[in-house]
Amino acid sequence: MSRIFRRKTAFFSTAALAALSLGVAQARPSVTSQPWGTTPDGKAVKIVTLKNDHGLVTRVITYGGIIQSVETPDRNGHLQDVVLGFGKLDGYTVDSAQGGLFFGAIIGRYANRLAAGNFPVDGKTYHTDVTAPPNALHGGKRGFDKNVWTLEKTGTNSGGAFVTLKLVSPNGDQGFPGTLTTHVTYMLGNDDALSLHYVATTDAPTVLNLTNHSYWNLNGEGSGSIEPEILQLNADSFTPTDATSIPTGQIAPVAGTPLDFSKATAIGDRLRSNDAQMMYARGYDMNWVVNGPYGQAPRFAGKVYDPRSGRSMEILTNQPGLQVYTSNSLNGAYAGISGHAYRQTDAIAFEAEHYPDSPNHPSFPTTELKPGQTFDYTTTFRFSNK
């Protein structure tokens, strides 16, 4: 028994094994940046390429802090992009001009929804623009996803390659009080994990909810539906919503509903359920309450596996919630890097965050941030293959 145990626990990343089997030498972590066009209002944008020592690749652009591509190997060692996105900057800026589907972007100041765009801070009611009538979605008309971030730092270390982006949001930006300074560090580790570390401070009381909105397809970008992928979530409950996707304030069990992914289940198995929550969202677009304490070390939130490619991705976070979204609004209006049109269920998003509309629900974990406090959360996407 001990011999079997030792063999199982000897660790080599699947990417490294694939490289060795092909006779390819392992590379050193690297980071490079280069110009990637200008926005319609003339701001220069850069693209940063991160590579770990197994050859995995992540590209981040300074416009919106967008994850433009993530290349990981399938079970045969074939590297392929697994996030939806565009090969040129105008793919993202045109998307933003049309209202946006937030491809790969950092979402802020407030990710997810605020009822009627209203929220209280220290007893005073503030308002941000309604962008998903009758509610605000993802931070107003010009959220963090539509700003050019400052490329503050890049580098490599024994853990992998990283880039840090910075954005200063002035007092009153999109109706939110306080000048907010945000840093996001993207780390592509030699453990085949991509981590996003969010740190933010304010000079006046405000509310804050940050996340990343990448669309994942582990069979490859542009390859069609994610319905065959197998999903498991570390969540026994969720926050039910009304027909406009605003939480009712309840915390309800997932048991006996189409939202129960406590055991690994194909995403498509219950996707067409007539459950009211599924009908409201036209698929999955709900906030699951991740089991375990939040605000400490990132804990396991979920895992998705594609039996076609053999790729798996684990999600770890110290956020309290995980919004899971089956790209219900993709309607063929956008064609991605592959040249294929993106349609409903072509990807799944995992938005680790605080609960929707939290400022209007005192029983939910608070999203208030005050001077002297630091917003400090990490979400990690860990890749492997079979």
Protein backbone atom coordinates (compact mmCIF):
# COMPACT_ATOMS: atom_id res chain seq x y z
CA MET A 1 0.00 0.00 0.00
CA SER A 2 2.77 2.46 0.86
CA ARG A 3 4.44 1.89 -2.48
CA ILE A 4 1.20 2.65 -4.32
CA PHE A 5 0.69 5.76 -2.20
CA ARG A 6 4.17 7.06 -3.00
CA ARG A 7 3.64 6.54 -6.72
CA LYS A 8 0.35 8.42 -6.65
CA THR A 9 1.74 11.38 -4.77
CA ALA A 10 4.88 11.83 -6.86
CA PHE A 11 3.97 15.04 -8.71
CA PHE A 12 4.77 16.11 -12.21
CA SER A 13 2.51 18.59 -14.01
CA THR A 14 0.70 17.06 -16.94
CA ALA A 15 2.15 19.78 -19.15
CA ALA A 16 5.67 18.81 -18.10
CA LEU A 17 4.98 15.12 -18.74
CA ALA A 18 3.62 15.95 -22.17
CA ALA A 19 6.72 17.99 -22.95
CA LEU A 20 9.03 15.21 -21.77
CA SER A 21 7.17 12.59 -23.79
CA LEU A 22 7.67 14.71 -26.89
CA GLY A 23 11.35 15.21 -26.13
CA VAL A 24 10.90 18.94 -25.58
CA ALA A 25 13.09 20.76 -23.08
CA GLN A 26 11.24 22.71 -20.39
CA ALA A 27 11.33 26.45 -20.91
CA ARG A 28 12.03 29.12 -18.34
CA PRO A 29 9.23 31.47 -17.26
CA SER A 30 9.13 34.63 -19.34
CA VAL A 31 7.16 37.83 -19.71
CA THR A 32 7.09 40.22 -22.67
CA SER A 33 4.97 43.21 -23.61
CA GLN A 34 4.34 45.03 -26.87
CA PRO A 35 1.96 47.64 -28.32
CA TRP A 36 -1.49 46.35 -29.24
CA GLY A 37 -3.20 49.31 -30.89
CA THR A 38 -5.02 52.37 -29.61
CA THR A 39 -8.55 52.90 -28.33
CA PRO A 40 -11.05 55.02 -30.31
CA ASP A 41 -10.16 57.95 -28.02
CA GLY A 42 -6.43 57.58 -28.77
CA LYS A 43 -5.10 55.72 -25.71
CA ALA A 44 -2.28 53.27 -26.31
CA VAL A 45 -2.86 49.65 -25.32
CA LYS A 46 -0.28 46.93 -24.63
CA ILE A 47 -0.48 43.16 -24.63
CA VAL A 48 1.56 41.21 -22.08
CA THR A 49 2.50 37.58 -22.71
CA LEU A 50 3.21 35.32 -19.71
CA LYS A 51 4.79 31.88 -20.10
CA ASN A 52 5.54 29.38 -17.36
CA ASP A 53 8.28 26.77 -17.37
CA HIS A 54 5.97 24.14 -18.92
CA GLY A 55 5.08 26.31 -21.91
CA LEU A 56 1.60 27.40 -20.83
CA VAL A 57 0.76 30.88 -22.13
CA THR A 58 -1.51 33.67 -20.89
CA ARG A 59 -1.97 37.01 -22.64
CA VAL A 60 -3.36 40.07 -20.87
CA ILE A 61 -4.16 43.43 -22.45
CA THR A 62 -4.13 46.73 -20.60
CA TYR A 63 -7.54 47.65 -22.00
CA GLY A 64 -9.99 46.41 -19.38
CA GLY A 65 -7.35 44.20 -17.79
CA ILE A 66 -8.64 41.60 -20.23
CA ILE A 67 -7.37 38.02 -20.34
CA GLN A 68 -7.09 37.77 -24.13
CA SER A 69 -6.01 34.12 -24.34
CA VAL A 70 -4.91 31.17 -22.22
CA GLU A 71 -3.12 28.29 -23.95
CA THR A 72 -3.07 24.96 -22.12
CA PRO A 73 -2.38 21.39 -23.33
CA ASP A 74 -4.99 18.72 -23.94
CA ARG A 75 -4.41 15.07 -23.00
CA ASN A 76 -2.10 14.70 -26.01
CA GLY A 77 0.01 17.73 -25.12
CA HIS A 78 -1.56 19.97 -27.79
CA LEU A 79 -1.63 23.62 -26.68
CA GLN A 80 -4.86 25.42 -27.44
CA ASP A 81 -6.55 28.66 -26.38
CA VAL A 82 -9.38 27.97 -23.90
CA VAL A 83 -10.91 31.45 -23.47
CA LEU A 84 -13.17 33.30 -25.87
CA GLY A 85 -11.75 36.53 -27.22
CA PHE A 86 -10.56 38.54 -30.19
CA GLY A 87 -7.35 38.80 -32.17
CA LYS A 88 -7.43 42.60 -32.42
CA LEU A 89 -8.24 45.41 -30.02
CA ASP A 90 -11.25 46.61 -31.97
CA GLY A 91 -13.00 43.33 -31.17
CA TYR A 92 -13.12 44.49 -27.54
CA THR A 93 -13.76 48.19 -28.10
CA VAL A 94 -16.64 47.52 -30.53
CA ASP A 95 -18.06 45.09 -27.97
CA SER A 96 -17.88 47.83 -25.34
CA ALA A 97 -19.52 50.38 -27.62
CA GLN A 98 -22.46 48.02 -28.11
CA GLY A 99 -22.96 47.63 -24.35
CA GLY A 100 -20.54 44.79 -23.92
CA LEU A 101 -20.43 41.12 -22.99
CA PHE A 102 -17.27 41.74 -20.93
CA PHE A 103 -14.99 39.23 -22.68
CA GLY A 104 -12.16 38.40 -20.26
CA ALA A 105 -12.34 41.74 -18.45
CA ILE A 106 -11.87 42.96 -14.89
CA ILE A 107 -15.30 44.04 -13.64
CA GLY A 108 -15.72 46.96 -11.25
CA ARG A 109 -16.45 49.00 -9.35
CA TYR A 110 -19.37 46.71 -8.67
CA ALA A 111 -19.49 43.32 -10.38
CA ASN A 112 -22.92 41.85 -10.98
CA ARG A 113 -26.18 43.71 -10.32
CA LEU A 114 -27.40 46.60 -8.21
CA ALA A 115 -31.18 46.97 -7.97
CA ALA A 116 -32.29 50.02 -9.99
CA GLY A 117 -28.65 51.16 -9.90
CA ASN A 118 -29.05 52.33 -6.29
CA PHE A 119 -26.84 51.53 -3.29
CA PRO A 120 -26.36 52.98 0.21
CA VAL A 121 -23.05 54.10 1.73
CA ASP A 122 -23.04 55.43 5.31
CA GLY A 123 -26.76 56.13 5.21
CA LYS A 124 -26.68 58.04 1.92
CA THR A 125 -28.10 56.60 -1.31
CA TYR A 126 -25.95 56.75 -4.44
CA HIS A 127 -26.80 55.83 -8.02
CA THR A 128 -24.98 54.30 -10.97
CA ASP A 129 -26.35 54.00 -14.48
CA VAL A 130 -28.91 51.34 -15.30
CA THR A 131 -27.24 49.15 -17.93
CA ALA A 132 -29.38 45.98 -17.74
CA PRO A 133 -32.86 47.46 -17.25
CA PRO A 134 -34.22 47.83 -14.68
CA ASN A 135 -30.87 47.34 -12.91
CA ALA A 136 -27.21 48.28 -13.09
CA LEU A 137 -24.81 45.58 -14.26
CA HIS A 138 -21.03 45.44 -13.83
CA GLY A 139 -20.29 48.97 -12.69
CA GLY A 140 -22.14 51.43 -14.91
CA LYS A 141 -21.73 52.55 -18.50
CA ARG A 142 -17.95 52.93 -18.26
CA GLY A 143 -16.82 50.36 -15.76
CA PHE A 144 -13.32 49.02 -15.18
CA ASP A 145 -13.67 46.86 -18.31
CA LYS A 146 -13.74 49.99 -20.51
CA ASN A 147 -10.65 51.71 -19.06
CA VAL A 148 -6.99 51.45 -20.06
CA TRP A 149 -5.06 50.22 -17.05
CA THR A 150 -1.47 51.25 -16.26
CA LEU A 151 1.14 48.56 -16.80
CA GLU A 152 2.91 48.90 -13.47
CA LYS A 153 5.22 45.89 -13.20
CA THR A 154 6.22 42.65 -14.90
CA GLY A 155 8.67 39.97 -13.87
CA THR A 156 9.55 36.34 -13.29
CA ASN A 157 10.53 34.44 -10.18
CA SER A 158 10.82 30.87 -9.02
CA GLY A 159 7.04 30.62 -9.05
CA GLY A 160 6.41 31.73 -12.64
CA ALA A 161 5.71 34.93 -14.58
CA PHE A 162 3.53 37.87 -13.55
CA VAL A 163 2.18 41.28 -14.52
CA THR A 164 0.60 43.93 -12.28
CA LEU A 165 -1.91 46.44 -13.64
CA LYS A 166 -3.15 49.58 -11.87
CA LEU A 167 -6.28 51.69 -12.20
CA VAL A 168 -7.22 54.85 -10.27
CA SER A 169 -10.96 55.47 -10.28
CA PRO A 170 -11.70 59.06 -9.21
CA ASN A 171 -14.33 60.13 -6.70
CA GLY A 172 -17.74 60.07 -8.37
CA ASP A 173 -16.68 57.74 -11.16
CA GLN A 174 -19.91 56.11 -12.44
CA GLY A 175 -21.60 57.49 -9.33
CA PHE A 176 -19.41 55.69 -6.79
CA PRO A 177 -17.95 57.74 -3.91
CA GLY A 178 -14.25 57.85 -3.01
CA THR A 179 -11.06 57.76 -5.05
CA LEU A 180 -10.29 54.07 -5.46
CA THR A 181 -6.83 52.69 -6.30
CA THR A 182 -6.83 49.12 -7.59
CA HIS A 183 -3.99 46.74 -8.42
CA VAL A 184 -4.50 43.37 -10.08
CA THR A 185 -1.58 40.93 -10.35
CA TYR A 186 -1.85 38.08 -12.85
CA MET A 187 0.50 35.21 -11.98
CA LEU A 188 1.00 32.27 -14.34
CA GLY A 189 2.63 29.80 -12.02
CA ASN A 190 4.88 26.87 -12.71
CA ASP A 191 2.18 24.81 -10.99
CA ASP A 192 0.04 25.43 -14.10
CA ALA A 193 -2.25 27.84 -12.27
CA LEU A 194 -3.32 31.35 -13.27
CA SER A 195 -3.97 33.51 -10.20
CA LEU A 196 -5.54 36.96 -10.04
CA HIS A 197 -4.75 38.93 -6.89
CA TYR A 198 -6.92 42.01 -6.35
CA VAL A 199 -5.84 44.75 -3.93
CA ALA A 200 -7.73 48.04 -3.58
CA THR A 201 -7.88 51.02 -1.20
CA THR A 202 -10.12 54.09 -0.97
CA ASP A 203 -9.92 57.59 0.51
CA ALA A 204 -13.64 57.68 1.38
CA PRO A 205 -16.29 55.09 2.27
CA THR A 206 -17.52 53.22 -0.81
CA VAL A 207 -18.69 49.81 -2.03
CA LEU A 208 -16.57 47.47 -4.11
CA ASN A 209 -16.99 44.12 -5.83
CA LEU A 210 -14.28 43.00 -8.28
CA THR A 211 -14.09 39.91 -10.47
CA ASN A 212 -12.85 38.61 -13.82
CA HIS A 213 -15.28 37.76 -16.61
CA SER A 214 -13.42 35.25 -18.77
CA TYR A 215 -15.46 32.87 -20.91
CA TRP A 216 -13.95 29.37 -20.68
CA ASN A 217 -14.25 26.47 -23.09
CA LEU A 218 -11.88 23.63 -22.23
CA ASN A 219 -12.40 21.99 -25.61
CA GLY A 220 -10.90 25.09 -27.20
CA GLU A 221 -12.01 28.58 -28.19
CA GLY A 222 -14.62 28.50 -30.94
CA SER A 223 -15.20 24.73 -30.66
CA GLY A 224 -18.91 24.90 -29.84
CA SER A 225 -20.99 24.13 -26.79
CA ILE A 226 -19.68 23.46 -23.27
CA GLU A 227 -22.73 21.30 -22.49
CA PRO A 228 -20.69 18.03 -22.39
CA GLU A 229 -18.28 19.48 -19.80
CA ILE A 230 -18.53 18.05 -16.29
CA LEU A 231 -19.00 20.56 -13.46
CA GLN A 232 -18.69 20.19 -9.71
CA LEU A 233 -19.23 23.07 -7.26
CA ASN A 234 -18.30 23.26 -3.59
CA ALA A 235 -21.57 24.96 -2.72
CA ASP A 236 -24.59 23.67 -0.81
CA SER A 237 -26.65 26.84 -1.27
CA PHE A 238 -27.29 29.78 -3.58
CA THR A 239 -28.96 33.21 -3.60
CA PRO A 240 -32.33 32.96 -5.39
CA THR A 241 -33.37 35.95 -7.51
CA ASP A 242 -36.49 37.55 -8.87
CA ALA A 243 -37.22 37.73 -12.59
CA THR A 244 -34.79 40.67 -12.99
CA SER A 245 -31.86 38.71 -11.44
CA ILE A 246 -31.94 40.65 -8.16
CA PRO A 247 -31.53 38.45 -5.05
CA THR A 248 -34.59 37.99 -2.87
CA GLY A 249 -32.34 38.04 0.21
CA GLN A 250 -32.74 34.33 0.88
CA ILE A 251 -30.00 31.73 1.07
CA ALA A 252 -31.55 28.54 -0.33
CA PRO A 253 -30.26 24.96 -0.57
CA VAL A 254 -29.32 23.64 -4.00
CA ALA A 255 -30.51 20.12 -3.12
CA GLY A 256 -33.37 19.03 -5.33
CA THR A 257 -32.82 21.84 -7.85
CA PRO A 258 -31.01 22.03 -11.22
CA LEU A 259 -28.36 24.04 -9.36
CA ASP A 260 -27.07 21.05 -7.42
CA PHE A 261 -23.54 20.39 -8.64
CA SER A 262 -22.33 18.94 -5.35
CA LYS A 263 -21.62 15.82 -7.42
CA ALA A 264 -19.92 16.07 -10.81
CA THR A 265 -22.64 16.54 -13.44
CA ALA A 266 -22.65 17.38 -17.14
CA ILE A 267 -23.54 21.05 -17.63
CA GLY A 268 -26.13 20.17 -20.27
CA ASP A 269 -27.98 17.59 -18.19
CA ARG A 270 -30.39 20.08 -16.59
CA LEU A 271 -29.72 23.16 -18.70
CA ARG A 272 -33.22 23.10 -20.19
CA SER A 273 -35.03 22.70 -16.90
CA ASN A 274 -38.26 24.65 -16.45
CA ASP A 275 -37.25 25.60 -12.91
CA ALA A 276 -38.14 29.28 -12.39
CA GLN A 277 -34.54 30.28 -11.65
CA MET A 278 -33.38 28.69 -14.89
CA MET A 279 -36.18 30.32 -16.87
CA TYR A 280 -35.37 33.76 -15.48
CA ALA A 281 -31.73 33.46 -16.55
CA ARG A 282 -32.26 31.42 -19.75
CA GLY A 283 -29.71 28.96 -18.41
CA TYR A 284 -27.24 29.14 -15.55
CA ASP A 285 -26.52 32.66 -14.29
CA MET A 286 -26.68 32.41 -10.50
CA ASN A 287 -24.55 33.09 -7.46
CA TRP A 288 -23.54 29.99 -5.51
CA VAL A 289 -22.49 30.39 -1.87
CA VAL A 290 -19.08 28.74 -1.67
CA ASN A 291 -18.71 26.43 1.32
CA GLY A 292 -16.20 27.42 3.98
CA PRO A 293 -14.97 30.73 5.39
CA TYR A 294 -14.21 33.54 2.97
CA GLY A 295 -11.54 36.23 3.24
CA GLN A 296 -8.84 33.78 4.31
CA ALA A 297 -6.78 31.41 2.16
CA PRO A 298 -8.38 30.54 -1.19
CA ARG A 299 -10.41 27.33 -0.90
CA PHE A 300 -11.77 24.96 -3.52
CA ALA A 301 -14.84 26.46 -5.19
CA GLY A 302 -15.35 24.20 -8.18
CA LYS A 303 -13.94 22.13 -11.00
CA VAL A 304 -14.83 21.70 -14.65
CA TYR A 305 -13.62 18.86 -16.87
CA ASP A 306 -13.94 18.39 -20.62
CA PRO A 307 -14.05 14.69 -21.58
CA ARG A 308 -13.32 15.55 -25.22
CA SER A 309 -9.98 17.27 -24.64
CA GLY A 310 -9.11 15.84 -21.23
CA ARG A 311 -8.55 19.34 -19.82
CA SER A 312 -9.60 20.17 -16.28
CA MET A 313 -9.72 23.49 -14.47
CA GLU A 314 -10.10 23.97 -10.72
CA ILE A 315 -11.34 27.27 -9.30
CA LEU A 316 -10.06 28.38 -5.90
CA THR A 317 -11.02 31.66 -4.25
CA ASN A 318 -11.35 33.45 -0.92
CA GLN A 319 -14.41 35.32 -2.17
CA PRO A 320 -17.76 34.33 -0.60
CA GLY A 321 -19.61 33.63 -3.86
CA LEU A 322 -19.20 32.22 -7.35
CA GLN A 323 -21.44 33.42 -10.17
CA VAL A 324 -21.60 30.71 -12.84
CA TYR A 325 -22.82 31.83 -16.25
CA THR A 326 -23.37 29.69 -19.35
CA SER A 327 -22.98 32.57 -21.83
CA ASN A 328 -26.73 32.87 -22.24
CA SER A 329 -26.51 36.21 -24.09
CA LEU A 330 -24.11 35.11 -26.83
CA ASN A 331 -26.21 35.21 -29.98
CA GLY A 332 -23.84 34.94 -32.92
CA ALA A 333 -23.15 38.67 -33.14
CA TYR A 334 -19.44 38.21 -32.36
CA ALA A 335 -16.84 36.08 -34.13
CA GLY A 336 -13.72 35.26 -32.13
CA ILE A 337 -10.07 34.51 -32.79
CA SER A 338 -10.96 31.25 -34.56
CA GLY A 339 -13.35 33.08 -36.92
CA HIS A 340 -16.31 31.13 -35.51
CA ALA A 341 -19.40 32.97 -34.28
CA TYR A 342 -20.01 32.74 -30.54
CA ARG A 343 -23.42 31.42 -29.53
CA GLN A 344 -25.31 30.51 -26.38
CA THR A 345 -23.53 27.83 -24.26
CA ASP A 346 -20.26 28.26 -26.20
CA ALA A 347 -18.50 29.03 -22.90
CA ILE A 348 -18.89 29.15 -19.14
CA ALA A 349 -17.83 32.01 -16.86
CA PHE A 350 -16.78 31.63 -13.22
CA GLU A 351 -17.09 35.04 -11.56
CA ALA A 352 -15.69 34.74 -8.03
CA GLU A 353 -17.14 37.71 -6.15
CA HIS A 354 -19.40 38.96 -3.38
CA TYR A 355 -23.11 38.38 -3.79
CA PRO A 356 -25.17 40.44 -6.28
CA ASP A 357 -26.83 43.56 -4.86
CA SER A 358 -25.10 43.08 -1.49
CA PRO A 359 -25.28 46.77 -0.45
CA ASN A 360 -29.07 46.47 -0.45
CA HIS A 361 -29.09 43.27 1.64
CA PRO A 362 -27.60 43.83 5.13
CA SER A 363 -27.63 40.07 5.80
CA PHE A 364 -25.16 39.43 2.94
CA PRO A 365 -21.39 39.71 3.42
CA THR A 366 -20.57 43.41 3.29
CA THR A 367 -19.02 45.04 0.24
CA GLU A 368 -18.27 48.30 2.06
CA LEU A 369 -14.69 49.54 1.92
CA LYS A 370 -13.50 52.33 4.18
CA PRO A 371 -10.29 54.38 4.39
CA GLY A 372 -7.61 52.35 6.15
CA GLN A 373 -9.08 49.05 4.95
CA THR A 374 -7.74 46.95 2.08
CA PHE A 375 -9.79 44.91 -0.37
CA ASP A 376 -7.59 41.83 -0.75
CA TYR A 377 -8.90 38.77 -2.61
CA THR A 378 -7.41 36.07 -4.83
CA THR A 379 -8.93 33.74 -7.41
CA THR A 380 -6.95 30.92 -8.99
CA PHE A 381 -7.64 28.81 -12.08
CA ARG A 382 -5.55 25.61 -11.93
CA PHE A 383 -5.16 23.58 -15.12
CA SER A 384 -4.46 19.90 -15.68
CA ASN A 385 -5.26 17.19 -18.20
CA LYS A 386 -5.90 13.46 -18.36
